[in-house]
């Protein structure tokens, strides 16, 4: 079936549909069309499919179709072999289970197509996988990792402040078959504010080849409690959601400015710094000498004061002869 009205039933809405169970008719419908300008059931059928049937019985026996006649003709194709709801409705392509550890099952990923996995109530909100080849029965597990587990694995912690560690594993998939993976994650605004983190510095890090690699990360939105980010990676591993403190960013900018100076400017800056240090050192020495000189003068003046007092007292003291 092409799912399109091609004759004079142009006013009708024709469409292919996914297999679904009709509980009123107790049939498994796999396609349907409503025709408003057709005079007979088989005329509607021909307009929809391009196949001519001479009677209702002929269409039903040959193609497994049913019809209803009301204000318009409604034609639908059934699959008689799927005579129960369980047989009719296909299983979902993606299933997510678990609370603290999320377990994801993907039944099929077609070549060069994308599958989105929506995850509720978890730090990872969405996983989008684009494959180069056909993949079947893909299993993904996501769990948070504690700091002590990172230490036990002898993995050096990132220089950034870490919000959360994650371990994401995948089965029945090779790294060569994945074209791109996009992860959406959330970060608490409380952590951003209490840790003095610059929200533009939040990044997803992937541990690969014995080092932390910064992934392309950008802000995707926010609500009253969380900031939402997206990042791209080529495969799964151990990840860290991290950010830089505002003071750390200022220090890095200052360091990068000095490192990025031309050689002449760098020499001038160093010379200026050295001259300033020598000037300060010289001033400190001057103060020391001045203080020593002041103490020495005070000592001399004190000595003179007491000596003068003794002299004055000697001359003012009445002699013994005058008393007699």
C-alpha atoms as a PDB file:
ATOM      1  CA  UNK A   1       0.000   0.000   0.000  1.00  0.00           C
ATOM      2  CA  UNK A   2       1.232   3.457  -0.783  1.00  0.00           C
ATOM      3  CA  UNK A   3      -0.966   5.064   1.873  1.00  0.00           C
ATOM      4  CA  UNK A   4      -2.105   7.871  -0.459  1.00  0.00           C
ATOM      5  CA  UNK A   5      -5.409   8.598  -2.150  1.00  0.00           C
ATOM      6  CA  UNK A   6      -4.651   8.741  -5.862  1.00  0.00           C
ATOM      7  CA  UNK A   7      -8.041   8.966  -7.597  1.00  0.00           C
ATOM      8  CA  UNK A   8     -11.127  11.080  -6.979  1.00  0.00           C
ATOM      9  CA  UNK A   9     -10.930  10.352  -3.231  1.00  0.00           C
ATOM     10  CA  UNK A  10      -8.566  13.268  -2.852  1.00  0.00           C
ATOM     11  CA  UNK A  11     -10.495  14.771   0.044  1.00  0.00           C
ATOM     12  CA  UNK A  12      -9.936  11.730   2.231  1.00  0.00           C
ATOM     13  CA  UNK A  13      -7.040  11.192   4.635  1.00  0.00           C
ATOM     14  CA  UNK A  14      -5.060   8.081   3.816  1.00  0.00           C
ATOM     15  CA  UNK A  15      -2.146   6.876   5.876  1.00  0.00           C
ATOM     16  CA  UNK A  16      -0.136   3.864   6.766  1.00  0.00           C
ATOM     17  CA  UNK A  17      -0.240   3.227  10.495  1.00  0.00           C
ATOM     18  CA  UNK A  18       1.740   1.119  12.905  1.00  0.00           C
ATOM     19  CA  UNK A  19       0.052  -2.093  13.844  1.00  0.00           C
ATOM     20  CA  UNK A  20      -2.467  -1.494  16.620  1.00  0.00           C
ATOM     21  CA  UNK A  21      -5.261  -3.432  18.218  1.00  0.00           C
ATOM     22  CA  UNK A  22      -8.809  -2.177  17.670  1.00  0.00           C
ATOM     23  CA  UNK A  23     -10.706  -3.308  20.775  1.00  0.00           C
ATOM     24  CA  UNK A  24     -14.100  -2.384  19.251  1.00  0.00           C
ATOM     25  CA  UNK A  25     -13.686  -4.578  16.191  1.00  0.00           C
ATOM     26  CA  UNK A  26     -11.216  -7.012  17.822  1.00  0.00           C
ATOM     27  CA  UNK A  27      -8.889  -6.877  14.839  1.00  0.00           C
ATOM     28  CA  UNK A  28      -5.235  -5.932  14.281  1.00  0.00           C
ATOM     29  CA  UNK A  29      -5.248  -2.889  11.989  1.00  0.00           C
ATOM     30  CA  UNK A  30      -2.062  -2.287  10.004  1.00  0.00           C
ATOM     31  CA  UNK A  31      -3.276   0.457   7.598  1.00  0.00           C
ATOM     32  CA  UNK A  32      -6.312   2.659   7.141  1.00  0.00           C
ATOM     33  CA  UNK A  33      -7.934   5.283   4.884  1.00  0.00           C
ATOM     34  CA  UNK A  34     -11.058   7.428   4.969  1.00  0.00           C
ATOM     35  CA  UNK A  35     -12.550   8.373   1.606  1.00  0.00           C
ATOM     36  CA  UNK A  36     -15.233  11.032   1.275  1.00  0.00           C
ATOM     37  CA  UNK A  37     -15.857  11.174  -2.470  1.00  0.00           C
ATOM     38  CA  UNK A  38     -16.101   7.497  -3.327  1.00  0.00           C
ATOM     39  CA  UNK A  39     -19.418   5.848  -4.177  1.00  0.00           C
ATOM     40  CA  UNK A  40     -18.391   2.278  -3.312  1.00  0.00           C
ATOM     41  CA  UNK A  41     -16.076   0.469  -0.948  1.00  0.00           C
ATOM     42  CA  UNK A  42     -13.882  -1.024  -3.694  1.00  0.00           C
ATOM     43  CA  UNK A  43     -13.631   2.382  -5.391  1.00  0.00           C
ATOM     44  CA  UNK A  44     -12.201   3.755  -2.160  1.00  0.00           C
ATOM     45  CA  UNK A  45      -9.918   0.742  -1.949  1.00  0.00           C
ATOM     46  CA  UNK A  46      -8.629   1.330  -5.475  1.00  0.00           C
ATOM     47  CA  UNK A  47      -8.084   5.043  -4.807  1.00  0.00           C
ATOM     48  CA  UNK A  48      -6.086   4.157  -1.732  1.00  0.00           C
ATOM     49  CA  UNK A  49      -4.031   1.211  -2.958  1.00  0.00           C
ATOM     50  CA  UNK A  50      -4.191   1.361  -6.728  1.00  0.00           C
ATOM     51  CA  UNK A  51      -5.486  -2.218  -6.662  1.00  0.00           C
ATOM     52  CA  UNK A  52      -8.896  -2.938  -8.178  1.00  0.00           C
ATOM     53  CA  UNK A  53     -11.415  -5.174  -6.418  1.00  0.00           C
ATOM     54  CA  UNK A  54     -14.757  -6.078  -8.007  1.00  0.00           C
ATOM     55  CA  UNK A  55     -16.538  -6.696  -4.735  1.00  0.00           C
ATOM     56  CA  UNK A  56     -16.211  -6.422  -0.998  1.00  0.00           C
ATOM     57  CA  UNK A  57     -15.874 -10.180  -0.626  1.00  0.00           C
ATOM     58  CA  UNK A  58     -13.121 -10.298  -3.225  1.00  0.00           C
ATOM     59  CA  UNK A  59     -11.129  -7.564  -1.434  1.00  0.00           C
ATOM     60  CA  UNK A  60     -11.585  -9.190   1.940  1.00  0.00           C
ATOM     61  CA  UNK A  61     -10.549 -12.649   0.825  1.00  0.00           C
ATOM     62  CA  UNK A  62      -7.630 -11.497  -1.284  1.00  0.00           C
ATOM     63  CA  UNK A  63      -6.229  -8.595   0.739  1.00  0.00           C
ATOM     64  CA  UNK A  64      -7.671  -8.968   4.238  1.00  0.00           C
ATOM     65  CA  UNK A  65      -9.463  -5.615   4.225  1.00  0.00           C
ATOM     66  CA  UNK A  66     -12.552  -4.462   6.111  1.00  0.00           C
ATOM     67  CA  UNK A  67     -14.768  -1.442   5.657  1.00  0.00           C
ATOM     68  CA  UNK A  68     -17.419   0.697   7.323  1.00  0.00           C
ATOM     69  CA  UNK A  69     -20.050   2.817   5.642  1.00  0.00           C
ATOM     70  CA  UNK A  70     -21.282   5.933   7.414  1.00  0.00           C
ATOM     71  CA  UNK A  71     -20.894   9.551   6.305  1.00  0.00           C
ATOM     72  CA  UNK A  72     -17.759   8.405   4.490  1.00  0.00           C
ATOM     73  CA  UNK A  73     -16.044   5.231   3.461  1.00  0.00           C
ATOM     74  CA  UNK A  74     -13.477   3.973   5.979  1.00  0.00           C
ATOM     75  CA  UNK A  75     -11.196   1.232   4.709  1.00  0.00           C
ATOM     76  CA  UNK A  76      -8.671  -0.539   6.890  1.00  0.00           C
ATOM     77  CA  UNK A  77      -6.365  -3.455   6.344  1.00  0.00           C
ATOM     78  CA  UNK A  78      -6.133  -6.156   8.994  1.00  0.00           C
ATOM     79  CA  UNK A  79      -3.656  -8.909   9.743  1.00  0.00           C
ATOM     80  CA  UNK A  80      -5.707 -12.008  10.621  1.00  0.00           C
ATOM     81  CA  UNK A  81      -2.653 -13.898  11.894  1.00  0.00           C
ATOM     82  CA  UNK A  82      -2.291 -11.393  14.745  1.00  0.00           C
ATOM     83  CA  UNK A  83      -5.571 -12.153  16.418  1.00  0.00           C
ATOM     84  CA  UNK A  84      -4.703 -10.844  19.892  1.00  0.00           C
ATOM     85  CA  UNK A  85      -3.486  -7.521  21.234  1.00  0.00           C
ATOM     86  CA  UNK A  86      -0.204  -9.058  22.392  1.00  0.00           C
ATOM     87  CA  UNK A  87       0.504 -10.395  18.919  1.00  0.00           C
ATOM     88  CA  UNK A  88      -0.639  -7.239  17.156  1.00  0.00           C
ATOM     89  CA  UNK A  89       1.156  -4.419  18.957  1.00  0.00           C
ATOM     90  CA  UNK A  90       4.937  -4.545  18.568  1.00  0.00           C
ATOM     91  CA  UNK A  91       7.164  -4.215  21.596  1.00  0.00           C
ATOM     92  CA  UNK A  92       8.659  -0.731  22.088  1.00  0.00           C
ATOM     93  CA  UNK A  93      12.052  -0.232  20.484  1.00  0.00           C
ATOM     94  CA  UNK A  94      13.457   1.367  23.652  1.00  0.00           C
ATOM     95  CA  UNK A  95      12.925   0.252  27.240  1.00  0.00           C
ATOM     96  CA  UNK A  96      14.340   1.985  30.333  1.00  0.00           C
ATOM     97  CA  UNK A  97      14.329   0.433  33.801  1.00  0.00           C
ATOM     98  CA  UNK A  98      16.014   0.874  37.185  1.00  0.00           C
ATOM     99  CA  UNK A  99      16.273   3.775  39.623  1.00  0.00           C
ATOM    100  CA  UNK A 100      19.813   4.294  40.942  1.00  0.00           C
ATOM    101  CA  UNK A 101      21.242   2.325  38.018  1.00  0.00           C
ATOM    102  CA  UNK A 102      19.532   2.849  34.668  1.00  0.00           C
ATOM    103  CA  UNK A 103      19.324  -0.130  32.313  1.00  0.00           C
ATOM    104  CA  UNK A 104      18.422   0.574  28.692  1.00  0.00           C
ATOM    105  CA  UNK A 105      17.480  -1.911  25.987  1.00  0.00           C
ATOM    106  CA  UNK A 106      17.338  -0.878  22.338  1.00  0.00           C
ATOM    107  CA  UNK A 107      16.006  -3.559  20.013  1.00  0.00           C
ATOM    108  CA  UNK A 108      17.167  -1.981  16.752  1.00  0.00           C
ATOM    109  CA  UNK A 109      19.150   0.967  15.430  1.00  0.00           C
ATOM    110  CA  UNK A 110      19.034   1.270  11.665  1.00  0.00           C
ATOM    111  CA  UNK A 111      22.096   2.349   9.670  1.00  0.00           C
ATOM    112  CA  UNK A 112      22.686   6.129   9.608  1.00  0.00           C
ATOM    113  CA  UNK A 113      19.615   6.730  11.748  1.00  0.00           C
ATOM    114  CA  UNK A 114      19.245   8.142  15.242  1.00  0.00           C
ATOM    115  CA  UNK A 115      17.580   6.662  18.305  1.00  0.00           C
ATOM    116  CA  UNK A 116      16.645   8.869  21.261  1.00  0.00           C
ATOM    117  CA  UNK A 117      16.450   7.455  24.769  1.00  0.00           C
ATOM    118  CA  UNK A 118      14.532   9.639  27.218  1.00  0.00           C
ATOM    119  CA  UNK A 119      15.332   9.050  30.885  1.00  0.00           C
ATOM    120  CA  UNK A 120      13.241  10.542  33.688  1.00  0.00           C
ATOM    121  CA  UNK A 121      14.380  11.457  37.225  1.00  0.00           C
ATOM    122  CA  UNK A 122      18.070  10.938  36.556  1.00  0.00           C
ATOM    123  CA  UNK A 123      21.194  13.043  36.079  1.00  0.00           C
ATOM    124  CA  UNK A 124      21.416  11.866  32.437  1.00  0.00           C
ATOM    125  CA  UNK A 125      18.214  13.077  30.793  1.00  0.00           C
ATOM    126  CA  UNK A 126      18.613  11.851  27.240  1.00  0.00           C
ATOM    127  CA  UNK A 127      20.939   9.730  25.107  1.00  0.00           C
ATOM    128  CA  UNK A 128      20.922  10.110  21.330  1.00  0.00           C
ATOM    129  CA  UNK A 129      22.813   7.460  19.328  1.00  0.00           C
ATOM    130  CA  UNK A 130      23.570   7.631  15.613  1.00  0.00           C
ATOM    131  CA  UNK A 131      24.895   4.412  14.117  1.00  0.00           C
ATOM    132  CA  UNK A 132      26.892   3.637  10.972  1.00  0.00           C
ATOM    133  CA  UNK A 133      25.627   0.051  10.820  1.00  0.00           C
ATOM    134  CA  UNK A 134      22.529  -1.867  11.798  1.00  0.00           C
ATOM    135  CA  UNK A 135      22.550  -2.690  15.502  1.00  0.00           C
ATOM    136  CA  UNK A 136      20.285  -5.077  17.387  1.00  0.00           C
ATOM    137  CA  UNK A 137      19.695  -5.889  21.055  1.00  0.00           C
ATOM    138  CA  UNK A 138      21.811  -3.016  22.354  1.00  0.00           C
ATOM    139  CA  UNK A 139      22.173  -2.861  26.150  1.00  0.00           C
ATOM    140  CA  UNK A 140      23.311   0.265  28.012  1.00  0.00           C
ATOM    141  CA  UNK A 141      23.889   0.654  31.748  1.00  0.00           C
ATOM    142  CA  UNK A 142      24.383   3.983  33.535  1.00  0.00           C
ATOM    143  CA  UNK A 143      25.370   4.291  37.186  1.00  0.00           C
ATOM    144  CA  UNK A 144      26.854   6.979  39.378  1.00  0.00           C
ATOM    145  CA  UNK A 145      30.372   6.383  40.697  1.00  0.00           C
ATOM    146  CA  UNK A 146      31.678   7.467  44.117  1.00  0.00           C
ATOM    147  CA  UNK A 147      34.971   9.302  44.594  1.00  0.00           C
ATOM    148  CA  UNK A 148      36.456   6.398  46.538  1.00  0.00           C
ATOM    149  CA  UNK A 149      35.804   4.132  43.539  1.00  0.00           C
ATOM    150  CA  UNK A 150      37.788   6.529  41.343  1.00  0.00           C
ATOM    151  CA  UNK A 151      40.641   6.404  43.861  1.00  0.00           C
ATOM    152  CA  UNK A 152      40.483   2.613  44.029  1.00  0.00           C
ATOM    153  CA  UNK A 153      40.771   2.457  40.233  1.00  0.00           C
ATOM    154  CA  UNK A 154      43.890   4.677  40.587  1.00  0.00           C
ATOM    155  CA  UNK A 155      42.390   7.305  38.330  1.00  0.00           C
ATOM    156  CA  UNK A 156      43.733  10.798  38.885  1.00  0.00           C
ATOM    157  CA  UNK A 157      40.924  13.220  39.653  1.00  0.00           C
ATOM    158  CA  UNK A 158      40.292  16.128  37.251  1.00  0.00           C
ATOM    159  CA  UNK A 159      41.623  19.584  38.099  1.00  0.00           C
ATOM    160  CA  UNK A 160      38.067  20.909  37.860  1.00  0.00           C
ATOM    161  CA  UNK A 161      35.576  20.595  40.720  1.00  0.00           C
ATOM    162  CA  UNK A 162      33.527  17.437  40.113  1.00  0.00           C
ATOM    163  CA  UNK A 163      29.739  17.393  40.418  1.00  0.00           C
ATOM    164  CA  UNK A 164      29.237  13.716  39.592  1.00  0.00           C
ATOM    165  CA  UNK A 165      31.116  10.703  38.239  1.00  0.00           C
ATOM    166  CA  UNK A 166      29.300   8.327  35.863  1.00  0.00           C
ATOM    167  CA  UNK A 167      30.113   4.955  34.393  1.00  0.00           C
ATOM    168  CA  UNK A 168      28.281   4.188  31.128  1.00  0.00           C
ATOM    169  CA  UNK A 169      28.760   0.784  29.512  1.00  0.00           C
ATOM    170  CA  UNK A 170      27.318  -0.653  26.301  1.00  0.00           C
ATOM    171  CA  UNK A 171      27.026  -4.214  24.996  1.00  0.00           C
ATOM    172  CA  UNK A 172      26.662  -5.728  21.522  1.00  0.00           C
ATOM    173  CA  UNK A 173      28.181  -2.602  19.972  1.00  0.00           C
ATOM    174  CA  UNK A 174      31.702  -1.834  18.731  1.00  0.00           C
ATOM    175  CA  UNK A 175      33.182   1.643  18.762  1.00  0.00           C
ATOM    176  CA  UNK A 176      33.544   1.574  14.947  1.00  0.00           C
ATOM    177  CA  UNK A 177      29.797   1.157  14.470  1.00  0.00           C
ATOM    178  CA  UNK A 178      28.914   4.365  16.341  1.00  0.00           C
ATOM    179  CA  UNK A 179      28.971   7.626  14.422  1.00  0.00           C
ATOM    180  CA  UNK A 180      28.012   9.979  17.244  1.00  0.00           C
ATOM    181  CA  UNK A 181      26.537   9.995  20.746  1.00  0.00           C
ATOM    182  CA  UNK A 182      24.908  13.022  22.320  1.00  0.00           C
ATOM    183  CA  UNK A 183      24.266  13.145  26.059  1.00  0.00           C
ATOM    184  CA  UNK A 184      21.984  15.558  27.868  1.00  0.00           C
ATOM    185  CA  UNK A 185      22.577  15.985  31.595  1.00  0.00           C
ATOM    186  CA  UNK A 186      21.509  18.268  34.417  1.00  0.00           C
ATOM    187  CA  UNK A 187      23.406  20.125  37.145  1.00  0.00           C
ATOM    188  CA  UNK A 188      21.866  21.445  40.345  1.00  0.00           C
ATOM    189  CA  UNK A 189      21.787  25.248  40.649  1.00  0.00           C
ATOM    190  CA  UNK A 190      22.389  24.821  44.390  1.00  0.00           C
ATOM    191  CA  UNK A 191      25.735  23.130  43.650  1.00  0.00           C
ATOM    192  CA  UNK A 192      26.633  25.858  41.136  1.00  0.00           C
ATOM    193  CA  UNK A 193      25.996  28.620  43.685  1.00  0.00           C
ATOM    194  CA  UNK A 194      27.358  26.916  46.817  1.00  0.00           C
ATOM    195  CA  UNK A 195      30.560  25.850  45.032  1.00  0.00           C
ATOM    196  CA  UNK A 196      31.012  29.267  43.360  1.00  0.00           C
ATOM    197  CA  UNK A 197      31.089  27.629  39.910  1.00  0.00           C
ATOM    198  CA  UNK A 198      30.940  29.618  36.696  1.00  0.00           C
ATOM    199  CA  UNK A 199      27.990  28.005  34.882  1.00  0.00           C
ATOM    200  CA  UNK A 200      29.621  28.565  31.482  1.00  0.00           C
ATOM    201  CA  UNK A 201      32.586  26.413  32.593  1.00  0.00           C
ATOM    202  CA  UNK A 202      30.523  23.249  33.217  1.00  0.00           C
ATOM    203  CA  UNK A 203      31.889  20.473  31.039  1.00  0.00           C
ATOM    204  CA  UNK A 204      31.556  16.734  30.499  1.00  0.00           C
ATOM    205  CA  UNK A 205      34.897  14.917  30.789  1.00  0.00           C
ATOM    206  CA  UNK A 206      35.539  11.439  29.412  1.00  0.00           C
ATOM    207  CA  UNK A 207      38.299   9.243  30.817  1.00  0.00           C
ATOM    208  CA  UNK A 208      40.057   7.745  27.804  1.00  0.00           C
ATOM    209  CA  UNK A 209      43.650   6.608  27.237  1.00  0.00           C
ATOM    210  CA  UNK A 210      44.524   7.193  30.922  1.00  0.00           C
ATOM    211  CA  UNK A 211      43.536  10.850  30.962  1.00  0.00           C
ATOM    212  CA  UNK A 212      40.509  13.106  31.224  1.00  0.00           C
ATOM    213  CA  UNK A 213      39.405  14.486  27.862  1.00  0.00           C
ATOM    214  CA  UNK A 214      37.153  17.525  27.656  1.00  0.00           C
ATOM    215  CA  UNK A 215      34.128  16.964  25.412  1.00  0.00           C
ATOM    216  CA  UNK A 216      32.258  19.555  23.387  1.00  0.00           C
ATOM    217  CA  UNK A 217      29.679  20.807  25.904  1.00  0.00           C
ATOM    218  CA  UNK A 218      27.079  23.547  25.724  1.00  0.00           C
ATOM    219  CA  UNK A 219      24.170  24.820  27.803  1.00  0.00           C
ATOM    220  CA  UNK A 220      20.787  23.627  26.518  1.00  0.00           C
ATOM    221  CA  UNK A 221      18.371  25.227  28.983  1.00  0.00           C
ATOM    222  CA  UNK A 222      17.376  25.621  32.610  1.00  0.00           C
ATOM    223  CA  UNK A 223      14.495  25.625  35.077  1.00  0.00           C
ATOM    224  CA  UNK A 224      14.182  26.854  38.661  1.00  0.00           C
ATOM    225  CA  UNK A 225      16.283  23.995  40.082  1.00  0.00           C
ATOM    226  CA  UNK A 226      18.614  22.760  37.332  1.00  0.00           C
ATOM    227  CA  UNK A 227      20.829  23.808  34.448  1.00  0.00           C
ATOM    228  CA  UNK A 228      20.732  21.498  31.437  1.00  0.00           C
ATOM    229  CA  UNK A 229      23.727  20.779  29.199  1.00  0.00           C
ATOM    230  CA  UNK A 230      24.476  18.672  26.126  1.00  0.00           C
ATOM    231  CA  UNK A 231      27.756  17.062  25.115  1.00  0.00           C
ATOM    232  CA  UNK A 232      29.010  14.929  22.238  1.00  0.00           C
ATOM    233  CA  UNK A 233      31.173  11.833  22.512  1.00  0.00           C
ATOM    234  CA  UNK A 234      32.223   8.979  20.247  1.00  0.00           C
ATOM    235  CA  UNK A 235      31.764   6.157  22.763  1.00  0.00           C
ATOM    236  CA  UNK A 236      30.988   5.341  26.381  1.00  0.00           C
ATOM    237  CA  UNK A 237      33.398   5.166  29.319  1.00  0.00           C
ATOM    238  CA  UNK A 238      33.789   6.761  32.751  1.00  0.00           C
ATOM    239  CA  UNK A 239      32.614  10.368  32.721  1.00  0.00           C
ATOM    240  CA  UNK A 240      32.841  13.324  35.081  1.00  0.00           C
ATOM    241  CA  UNK A 241      30.519  16.303  35.148  1.00  0.00           C
ATOM    242  CA  UNK A 242      32.690  19.147  36.376  1.00  0.00           C
ATOM    243  CA  UNK A 243      33.085  22.910  36.488  1.00  0.00           C
ATOM    244  CA  UNK A 244      35.647  25.569  37.324  1.00  0.00           C
ATOM    245  CA  UNK A 245      35.399  27.900  40.308  1.00  0.00           C
ATOM    246  CA  UNK A 246      35.263  31.602  39.469  1.00  0.00           C
ATOM    247  CA  UNK A 247      38.564  32.283  41.284  1.00  0.00           C
ATOM    248  CA  UNK A 248      40.220  29.422  39.398  1.00  0.00           C
ATOM    249  CA  UNK A 249      39.052  30.899  36.102  1.00  0.00           C
ATOM    250  CA  UNK A 250      40.522  34.310  36.967  1.00  0.00           C
ATOM    251  CA  UNK A 251      43.877  32.734  37.872  1.00  0.00           C
ATOM    252  CA  UNK A 252      43.920  30.730  34.631  1.00  0.00           C
ATOM    253  CA  UNK A 253      43.130  33.851  32.593  1.00  0.00           C
ATOM    254  CA  UNK A 254      45.956  35.745  34.306  1.00  0.00           C
ATOM    255  CA  UNK A 255      48.387  32.873  33.720  1.00  0.00           C
ATOM    256  CA  UNK A 256      47.367  32.528  30.083  1.00  0.00           C
ATOM    257  CA  UNK A 257      47.824  36.292  29.594  1.00  0.00           C
ATOM    258  CA  UNK A 258      51.368  36.173  30.951  1.00  0.00           C
ATOM    259  CA  UNK A 259      52.227  33.033  28.985  1.00  0.00           C
ATOM    260  CA  UNK A 260      50.803  34.588  25.830  1.00  0.00           C
ATOM    261  CA  UNK A 261      52.952  37.746  26.063  1.00  0.00           C
ATOM    262  CA  UNK A 262      55.550  38.390  23.370  1.00  0.00           C
ATOM    263  CA  UNK A 263      59.123  37.716  24.485  1.00  0.00           C
ATOM    264  CA  UNK A 264      60.016  41.431  24.708  1.00  0.00           C
ATOM    265  CA  UNK A 265      56.965  42.269  26.773  1.00  0.00           C
ATOM    266  CA  UNK A 266      57.587  39.260  28.994  1.00  0.00           C
ATOM    267  CA  UNK A 267      61.193  40.422  29.660  1.00  0.00           C
ATOM    268  CA  UNK A 268      59.998  43.947  30.380  1.00  0.00           C
ATOM    269  CA  UNK A 269      57.374  42.609  32.761  1.00  0.00           C
ATOM    270  CA  UNK A 270      59.949  40.462  34.567  1.00  0.00           C
ATOM    271  CA  UNK A 271      62.397  43.396  34.753  1.00  0.00           C
ATOM    272  CA  UNK A 272      59.697  45.655  36.106  1.00  0.00           C
ATOM    273  CA  UNK A 273      58.750  43.047  38.697  1.00  0.00           C
ATOM    274  CA  UNK A 274      62.405  42.602  39.711  1.00  0.00           C
ATOM    275  CA  UNK A 275      62.932  46.368  39.985  1.00  0.00           C
ATOM    276  CA  UNK A 276      59.833  46.678  42.116  1.00  0.00           C
ATOM    277  CA  UNK A 277      61.037  43.897  44.408  1.00  0.00           C
ATOM    278  CA  UNK A 278      64.525  45.520  44.706  1.00  0.00           C
ATOM    279  CA  UNK A 279      62.928  48.902  45.385  1.00  0.00           C
ATOM    280  CA  UNK A 280      60.773  47.426  48.121  1.00  0.00           C
ATOM    281  CA  UNK A 281      63.790  45.589  49.558  1.00  0.00           C
ATOM    282  CA  UNK A 282      65.831  48.848  49.573  1.00  0.00           C
ATOM    283  CA  UNK A 283      63.042  50.683  51.309  1.00  0.00           C
ATOM    284  CA  UNK A 284      62.901  47.994  53.972  1.00  0.00           C
ATOM    285  CA  UNK A 285      66.671  48.364  54.599  1.00  0.00           C
ATOM    286  CA  UNK A 286      66.341  52.189  54.876  1.00  0.00           C
ATOM    287  CA  UNK A 287      63.662  51.779  57.501  1.00  0.00           C
ATOM    288  CA  UNK A 288      65.872  49.427  59.508  1.00  0.00           C
ATOM    289  CA  UNK A 289      68.821  51.854  59.472  1.00  0.00           C
ATOM    290  CA  UNK A 290      66.558  54.774  60.349  1.00  0.00           C
ATOM    291  CA  UNK A 291      65.130  52.858  63.288  1.00  0.00           C
ATOM    292  CA  UNK A 292      68.608  51.949  64.589  1.00  0.00           C
ATOM    293  CA  UNK A 293      69.739  55.591  64.269  1.00  0.00           C
ATOM    294  CA  UNK A 294      66.664  56.799  66.130  1.00  0.00           C
ATOM    295  CA  UNK A 295      67.289  54.367  68.981  1.00  0.00           C
ATOM    296  CA  UNK A 296      70.950  55.471  69.156  1.00  0.00           C
ATOM    297  CA  UNK A 297      69.957  59.173  69.327  1.00  0.00           C
ATOM    298  CA  UNK A 298      67.418  58.420  72.047  1.00  0.00           C
ATOM    299  CA  UNK A 299      70.087  56.575  74.050  1.00  0.00           C
ATOM    300  CA  UNK A 300      72.529  59.518  73.729  1.00  0.00           C
ATOM    301  CA  UNK A 301      69.912  62.045  74.716  1.00  0.00           C
ATOM    302  CA  UNK A 302      68.889  59.929  77.695  1.00  0.00           C
ATOM    303  CA  UNK A 303      72.530  59.660  78.821  1.00  0.00           C
ATOM    304  CA  UNK A 304      73.037  63.401  78.490  1.00  0.00           C
ATOM    305  CA  UNK A 305      69.879  64.062  80.430  1.00  0.00           C
ATOM    306  CA  UNK A 306      70.967  61.992  83.432  1.00  0.00           C
ATOM    307  CA  UNK A 307      74.531  63.409  83.301  1.00  0.00           C
ATOM    308  CA  UNK A 308      73.224  66.968  83.244  1.00  0.00           C
ATOM    309  CA  UNK A 309      71.027  66.273  86.217  1.00  0.00           C
ATOM    310  CA  UNK A 310      73.984  65.017  88.226  1.00  0.00           C
ATOM    311  CA  UNK A 311      76.050  68.099  87.361  1.00  0.00           C
ATOM    312  CA  UNK A 312      73.278  70.476  88.308  1.00  0.00           C
ATOM    313  CA  UNK A 313      72.640  68.608  91.531  1.00  0.00           C
ATOM    314  CA  UNK A 314      76.358  68.803  92.421  1.00  0.00           C
ATOM    315  CA  UNK A 315      76.561  72.582  92.074  1.00  0.00           C
ATOM    316  CA  UNK A 316      73.306  73.236  93.808  1.00  0.00           C
ATOM    317  CA  UNK A 317      74.194  71.043  96.826  1.00  0.00           C
ATOM    318  CA  UNK A 318      75.247  73.281  99.817  1.00  0.00           C
ATOM    319  CA  UNK A 319      78.782  72.702 101.040  1.00  0.00           C
ATOM    320  CA  UNK A 320      79.595  71.552 104.578  1.00  0.00           C
ATOM    321  CA  UNK A 321      81.618  74.703 105.266  1.00  0.00           C
ATOM    322  CA  UNK A 322      78.629  76.946 104.724  1.00  0.00           C
ATOM    323  CA  UNK A 323      76.629  74.967 107.256  1.00  0.00           C
ATOM    324  CA  UNK A 324      79.308  75.413 109.973  1.00  0.00           C
END
